[in-house]
Amino acid sequence: MTHTQDFARTYQELALTLVCDTSKDRNMPTILASAFAAVEQRKLAVWIKGHVIPGYDPTVWRRDDFGHAIRFSDYGNRSSTYGWEIDHIVAIALGGSDGLSNLRPLHCTNNATLGGLLGGMFKG
């Protein structure tokens, strides 16, 4: 088993543990816990598609398709130097899907720029 596969298995086990532990909390519906686990699994599946940086822990660091370093824990943090988001390779507006094959991890700055370019195409 590769280091990345081992990380994925450990991360999925953690997500399942959170679902199990959260499900016992009578204040939080089971469906919310399941939704959380699904979001975390999707995030991990997209993260693994990032490019490994030789010499760095691939569970923490990757590069996006444009070569920018991203850090797993900085997901969704646009104020971080290493923040990243899930990007559609082919935008939904252009016929793309939400399937994993059309998703990639992308540095927040790159994602915002690409979104702005797409918006400009529809305005003018």
Protein backbone atom coordinates (compact mmCIF):
# COMPACT_ATOMS: atom_id res chain seq x y z
CA MET A 1 0.00 0.00 0.00
CA THR A 2 1.38 3.43 -0.93
CA HIS A 3 1.71 6.29 1.54
CA THR A 4 -1.17 8.10 -0.18
CA GLN A 5 -3.44 5.04 -0.03
CA ASP A 6 -2.57 4.58 3.64
CA PHE A 7 -3.43 8.24 4.31
CA ALA A 8 -6.71 7.89 2.43
CA ARG A 9 -7.65 4.82 4.45
CA THR A 10 -6.75 6.54 7.74
CA TYR A 11 -8.67 9.67 6.77
CA GLN A 12 -11.75 7.65 5.80
CA GLU A 13 -11.56 5.79 9.12
CA LEU A 14 -11.44 9.14 10.91
CA ALA A 15 -14.47 10.37 8.96
CA LEU A 16 -16.36 7.19 9.85
CA THR A 17 -15.38 7.58 13.51
CA LEU A 18 -16.70 11.14 13.48
CA VAL A 19 -19.97 9.90 11.97
CA CYS A 20 -20.29 7.21 14.62
CA ASP A 21 -19.40 9.53 17.50
CA THR A 22 -21.58 12.36 16.23
CA SER A 23 -24.51 10.01 15.64
CA LYS A 24 -24.58 9.27 19.38
CA ASP A 25 -25.12 12.95 20.11
CA ARG A 26 -28.87 13.35 20.34
CA ASN A 27 -28.55 17.05 19.45
CA MET A 28 -27.23 16.35 15.95
CA PRO A 29 -29.22 14.33 13.42
CA THR A 30 -27.51 11.34 11.84
CA ILE A 31 -28.12 12.75 8.39
CA LEU A 32 -25.96 15.79 9.22
CA ALA A 33 -23.12 13.54 10.34
CA SER A 34 -23.44 11.50 7.14
CA ALA A 35 -23.38 14.66 5.02
CA PHE A 36 -20.24 15.82 6.84
CA ALA A 37 -18.54 12.49 6.12
CA ALA A 38 -19.51 12.69 2.44
CA VAL A 39 -18.08 16.21 2.11
CA GLU A 40 -14.84 15.15 3.81
CA GLN A 41 -14.51 12.09 1.57
CA ARG A 42 -15.05 14.24 -1.53
CA LYS A 43 -12.44 16.73 -0.30
CA LEU A 44 -9.94 13.91 0.26
CA ALA A 45 -10.66 12.34 -3.14
CA VAL A 46 -9.97 15.67 -4.85
CA TRP A 47 -6.87 16.32 -2.69
CA ILE A 48 -5.32 13.05 -3.83
CA LYS A 49 -5.56 14.31 -7.43
CA GLY A 50 -3.09 17.10 -6.57
CA HIS A 51 0.55 16.69 -7.54
CA VAL A 52 2.89 15.23 -4.91
CA ILE A 53 5.82 17.50 -4.01
CA PRO A 54 8.97 15.36 -3.70
CA GLY A 55 10.44 15.54 -0.22
CA TYR A 56 7.20 16.80 1.39
CA ASP A 57 4.48 14.88 3.20
CA PRO A 58 1.76 14.28 0.57
CA THR A 59 -0.89 14.19 3.29
CA VAL A 60 -0.09 17.83 4.06
CA TRP A 61 1.34 19.36 0.89
CA ARG A 62 0.51 19.11 -2.83
CA ARG A 63 0.70 21.30 -5.92
CA ASP A 64 -2.23 22.31 -8.07
CA ASP A 65 -2.21 22.02 -11.87
CA PHE A 66 -0.58 25.44 -12.11
CA GLY A 67 2.30 24.50 -9.79
CA HIS A 68 1.15 26.43 -6.70
CA ALA A 69 1.75 24.77 -3.32
CA ILE A 70 -1.41 23.98 -1.35
CA ARG A 71 -1.83 22.70 2.22
CA PHE A 72 -4.60 20.24 3.07
CA SER A 73 -5.55 22.00 6.30
CA ASP A 74 -5.99 25.31 4.44
CA TYR A 75 -8.96 24.08 2.40
CA GLY A 76 -11.34 26.99 1.75
CA ASN A 77 -9.06 29.55 3.42
CA ARG A 78 -8.68 32.34 0.85
CA SER A 79 -6.52 34.41 3.20
CA SER A 80 -3.88 31.67 3.42
CA THR A 81 -0.87 31.60 1.12
CA TYR A 82 -1.58 27.87 0.68
CA GLY A 83 -5.39 27.90 0.59
CA TRP A 84 -7.17 25.72 -1.93
CA GLU A 85 -10.63 24.93 -3.22
CA ILE A 86 -12.31 22.26 -5.29
CA ASP A 87 -12.42 23.42 -8.90
CA HIS A 88 -14.44 22.16 -11.85
CA ILE A 89 -12.07 21.48 -14.74
CA VAL A 90 -14.94 22.12 -17.15
CA ALA A 91 -17.28 24.65 -15.56
CA ILE A 92 -20.84 23.59 -14.83
CA ALA A 93 -21.96 26.57 -16.96
CA LEU A 94 -20.09 25.04 -19.91
CA GLY A 95 -21.55 21.56 -19.51
CA GLY A 96 -19.15 20.13 -16.92
CA SER A 97 -20.26 17.77 -14.18
CA ASP A 98 -19.78 17.43 -10.43
CA GLY A 99 -18.17 14.02 -10.98
CA LEU A 100 -14.74 13.37 -9.50
CA SER A 101 -13.20 13.14 -12.97
CA ASN A 102 -14.10 16.82 -13.51
CA LEU A 103 -12.77 18.05 -10.15
CA ARG A 104 -9.29 19.11 -9.06
CA PRO A 105 -7.64 20.86 -6.15
CA LEU A 106 -6.79 24.43 -7.09
CA HIS A 107 -5.08 27.24 -5.21
CA CYS A 108 -7.66 29.83 -4.13
CA THR A 109 -6.07 32.60 -6.18
CA ASN A 110 -6.12 30.46 -9.33
CA ASN A 111 -9.72 29.43 -8.74
CA ALA A 112 -10.86 33.03 -8.23
CA THR A 113 -9.04 34.12 -11.38
CA LEU A 114 -10.53 31.34 -13.51
CA GLY A 115 -14.01 32.09 -12.16
CA GLY A 116 -13.56 35.75 -13.04
CA LEU A 117 -12.50 34.87 -16.56
CA LEU A 118 -15.55 32.67 -17.03
CA GLY A 119 -17.82 35.41 -15.71
CA GLY A 120 -16.27 37.85 -18.18
CA MET A 121 -17.05 35.50 -21.07
CA PHE A 122 -20.77 35.61 -20.26
CA LYS A 123 -20.91 39.38 -19.78
CA GLY A 124 -19.47 40.43 -23.02
